[in-house]
């Protein structure tokens, strides 16, 4: 179930921790990662959610160009959608 706590609707600061498996003695690099949670246009408590499958992402370091990685979102379970306007997303 999606969180219904309105205090969660804000910006959150996280850090992406990067380590090197081949060089465990090197210190980890922490990169700021901003996440903004915005208000939904529906009453999401009426819906059920399907969590995404876990995914391991391998990124080549020093490849010469930036890499964008998409974090898979939770999806609305189609069976939980009804005809109510409050459930339209």
C-alpha atoms as a PDB file:
ATOM      1  CA  UNK A   1       0.000   0.000   0.000  1.00  0.00           C
ATOM      2  CA  UNK A   2       1.268   3.468  -0.811  1.00  0.00           C
ATOM      3  CA  UNK A   3       2.153   5.654   2.186  1.00  0.00           C
ATOM      4  CA  UNK A   4      -0.619   8.047   3.223  1.00  0.00           C
ATOM      5  CA  UNK A   5       1.552  10.196   5.498  1.00  0.00           C
ATOM      6  CA  UNK A   6       1.484  13.722   4.050  1.00  0.00           C
ATOM      7  CA  UNK A   7       4.804  14.460   5.767  1.00  0.00           C
ATOM      8  CA  UNK A   8       6.414  12.241   3.102  1.00  0.00           C
ATOM      9  CA  UNK A   9       5.355  14.683   0.336  1.00  0.00           C
ATOM     10  CA  UNK A  10       8.550  16.691   0.195  1.00  0.00           C
ATOM     11  CA  UNK A  11      12.126  16.502  -1.034  1.00  0.00           C
ATOM     12  CA  UNK A  12      14.451  13.948   0.513  1.00  0.00           C
ATOM     13  CA  UNK A  13      18.235  13.856   0.396  1.00  0.00           C
ATOM     14  CA  UNK A  14      19.956  10.529  -0.091  1.00  0.00           C
ATOM     15  CA  UNK A  15      23.483   9.532  -0.990  1.00  0.00           C
ATOM     16  CA  UNK A  16      24.610   7.028  -3.592  1.00  0.00           C
ATOM     17  CA  UNK A  17      27.476   5.003  -2.126  1.00  0.00           C
ATOM     18  CA  UNK A  18      30.068   3.837  -4.647  1.00  0.00           C
ATOM     19  CA  UNK A  19      32.682   1.243  -3.700  1.00  0.00           C
ATOM     20  CA  UNK A  20      35.117  -0.868  -5.661  1.00  0.00           C
ATOM     21  CA  UNK A  21      34.891  -4.610  -5.087  1.00  0.00           C
ATOM     22  CA  UNK A  22      38.413  -5.107  -6.460  1.00  0.00           C
ATOM     23  CA  UNK A  23      39.877  -2.396  -4.173  1.00  0.00           C
ATOM     24  CA  UNK A  24      38.191  -2.704  -0.753  1.00  0.00           C
ATOM     25  CA  UNK A  25      40.861  -0.541   0.923  1.00  0.00           C
ATOM     26  CA  UNK A  26      39.718   2.541  -1.028  1.00  0.00           C
ATOM     27  CA  UNK A  27      37.224   4.807   0.729  1.00  0.00           C
ATOM     28  CA  UNK A  28      33.654   4.840  -0.551  1.00  0.00           C
ATOM     29  CA  UNK A  29      32.479   7.801  -2.612  1.00  0.00           C
ATOM     30  CA  UNK A  30      29.160   9.346  -1.534  1.00  0.00           C
ATOM     31  CA  UNK A  31      27.252  11.305  -4.206  1.00  0.00           C
ATOM     32  CA  UNK A  32      24.182  13.391  -3.253  1.00  0.00           C
ATOM     33  CA  UNK A  33      20.934  12.085  -4.734  1.00  0.00           C
ATOM     34  CA  UNK A  34      17.780  14.201  -4.441  1.00  0.00           C
ATOM     35  CA  UNK A  35      14.356  12.516  -4.444  1.00  0.00           C
ATOM     36  CA  UNK A  36      11.153  14.541  -4.589  1.00  0.00           C
ATOM     37  CA  UNK A  37       7.874  12.921  -3.540  1.00  0.00           C
ATOM     38  CA  UNK A  38       4.845  14.756  -4.906  1.00  0.00           C
ATOM     39  CA  UNK A  39       1.149  14.485  -4.161  1.00  0.00           C
ATOM     40  CA  UNK A  40      -0.829  12.031  -6.247  1.00  0.00           C
ATOM     41  CA  UNK A  41      -3.922  13.060  -8.170  1.00  0.00           C
ATOM     42  CA  UNK A  42      -5.901  10.079  -6.917  1.00  0.00           C
ATOM     43  CA  UNK A  43      -6.926   8.409  -3.679  1.00  0.00           C
ATOM     44  CA  UNK A  44      -4.174   5.809  -3.900  1.00  0.00           C
ATOM     45  CA  UNK A  45      -5.343   4.041  -0.745  1.00  0.00           C
ATOM     46  CA  UNK A  46      -8.023   2.496  -2.981  1.00  0.00           C
ATOM     47  CA  UNK A  47      -5.348   0.865  -5.147  1.00  0.00           C
ATOM     48  CA  UNK A  48      -2.954  -2.006  -4.611  1.00  0.00           C
ATOM     49  CA  UNK A  49       0.580  -1.845  -5.963  1.00  0.00           C
ATOM     50  CA  UNK A  50       2.847  -4.391  -7.610  1.00  0.00           C
ATOM     51  CA  UNK A  51       6.450  -3.960  -6.505  1.00  0.00           C
ATOM     52  CA  UNK A  52       9.114  -4.021  -9.220  1.00  0.00           C
ATOM     53  CA  UNK A  53      11.482  -6.940  -9.528  1.00  0.00           C
ATOM     54  CA  UNK A  54      14.868  -6.485  -7.918  1.00  0.00           C
ATOM     55  CA  UNK A  55      17.478  -5.408 -10.429  1.00  0.00           C
ATOM     56  CA  UNK A  56      21.259  -5.398 -10.183  1.00  0.00           C
ATOM     57  CA  UNK A  57      22.767  -2.599 -12.237  1.00  0.00           C
ATOM     58  CA  UNK A  58      26.384  -2.720 -13.374  1.00  0.00           C
ATOM     59  CA  UNK A  59      27.925   0.552 -14.490  1.00  0.00           C
ATOM     60  CA  UNK A  60      31.250   0.765 -16.292  1.00  0.00           C
ATOM     61  CA  UNK A  61      33.467   3.277 -14.495  1.00  0.00           C
ATOM     62  CA  UNK A  62      35.606   5.546 -16.637  1.00  0.00           C
ATOM     63  CA  UNK A  63      33.578   4.831 -19.762  1.00  0.00           C
ATOM     64  CA  UNK A  64      33.985   8.437 -20.860  1.00  0.00           C
ATOM     65  CA  UNK A  65      30.339   9.505 -20.778  1.00  0.00           C
ATOM     66  CA  UNK A  66      27.563   9.831 -18.234  1.00  0.00           C
ATOM     67  CA  UNK A  67      25.197   6.949 -17.662  1.00  0.00           C
ATOM     68  CA  UNK A  68      21.522   7.325 -16.765  1.00  0.00           C
ATOM     69  CA  UNK A  69      19.952   4.479 -14.845  1.00  0.00           C
ATOM     70  CA  UNK A  70      16.189   4.154 -14.463  1.00  0.00           C
ATOM     71  CA  UNK A  71      14.885   2.948 -11.102  1.00  0.00           C
ATOM     72  CA  UNK A  72      11.875   0.735 -11.841  1.00  0.00           C
ATOM     73  CA  UNK A  73       8.671   2.083 -10.227  1.00  0.00           C
ATOM     74  CA  UNK A  74       5.916   0.223  -8.428  1.00  0.00           C
ATOM     75  CA  UNK A  75       2.938  -0.205 -10.751  1.00  0.00           C
ATOM     76  CA  UNK A  76      -0.776  -0.066 -10.038  1.00  0.00           C
ATOM     77  CA  UNK A  77      -2.298  -3.525  -9.959  1.00  0.00           C
ATOM     78  CA  UNK A  78      -4.814  -3.477 -12.819  1.00  0.00           C
ATOM     79  CA  UNK A  79      -7.322  -5.595 -10.897  1.00  0.00           C
ATOM     80  CA  UNK A  80      -7.519  -2.964  -8.140  1.00  0.00           C
ATOM     81  CA  UNK A  81      -8.632  -0.209 -10.511  1.00  0.00           C
ATOM     82  CA  UNK A  82     -12.324   0.510 -10.347  1.00  0.00           C
ATOM     83  CA  UNK A  83     -14.763   2.849 -12.000  1.00  0.00           C
ATOM     84  CA  UNK A  84     -14.441   5.462  -9.239  1.00  0.00           C
ATOM     85  CA  UNK A  85     -12.999   8.801 -10.354  1.00  0.00           C
ATOM     86  CA  UNK A  86     -10.901   8.808  -7.174  1.00  0.00           C
ATOM     87  CA  UNK A  87      -9.002   5.797  -8.523  1.00  0.00           C
ATOM     88  CA  UNK A  88      -8.032   7.378 -11.833  1.00  0.00           C
ATOM     89  CA  UNK A  89      -4.297   7.939 -12.127  1.00  0.00           C
END
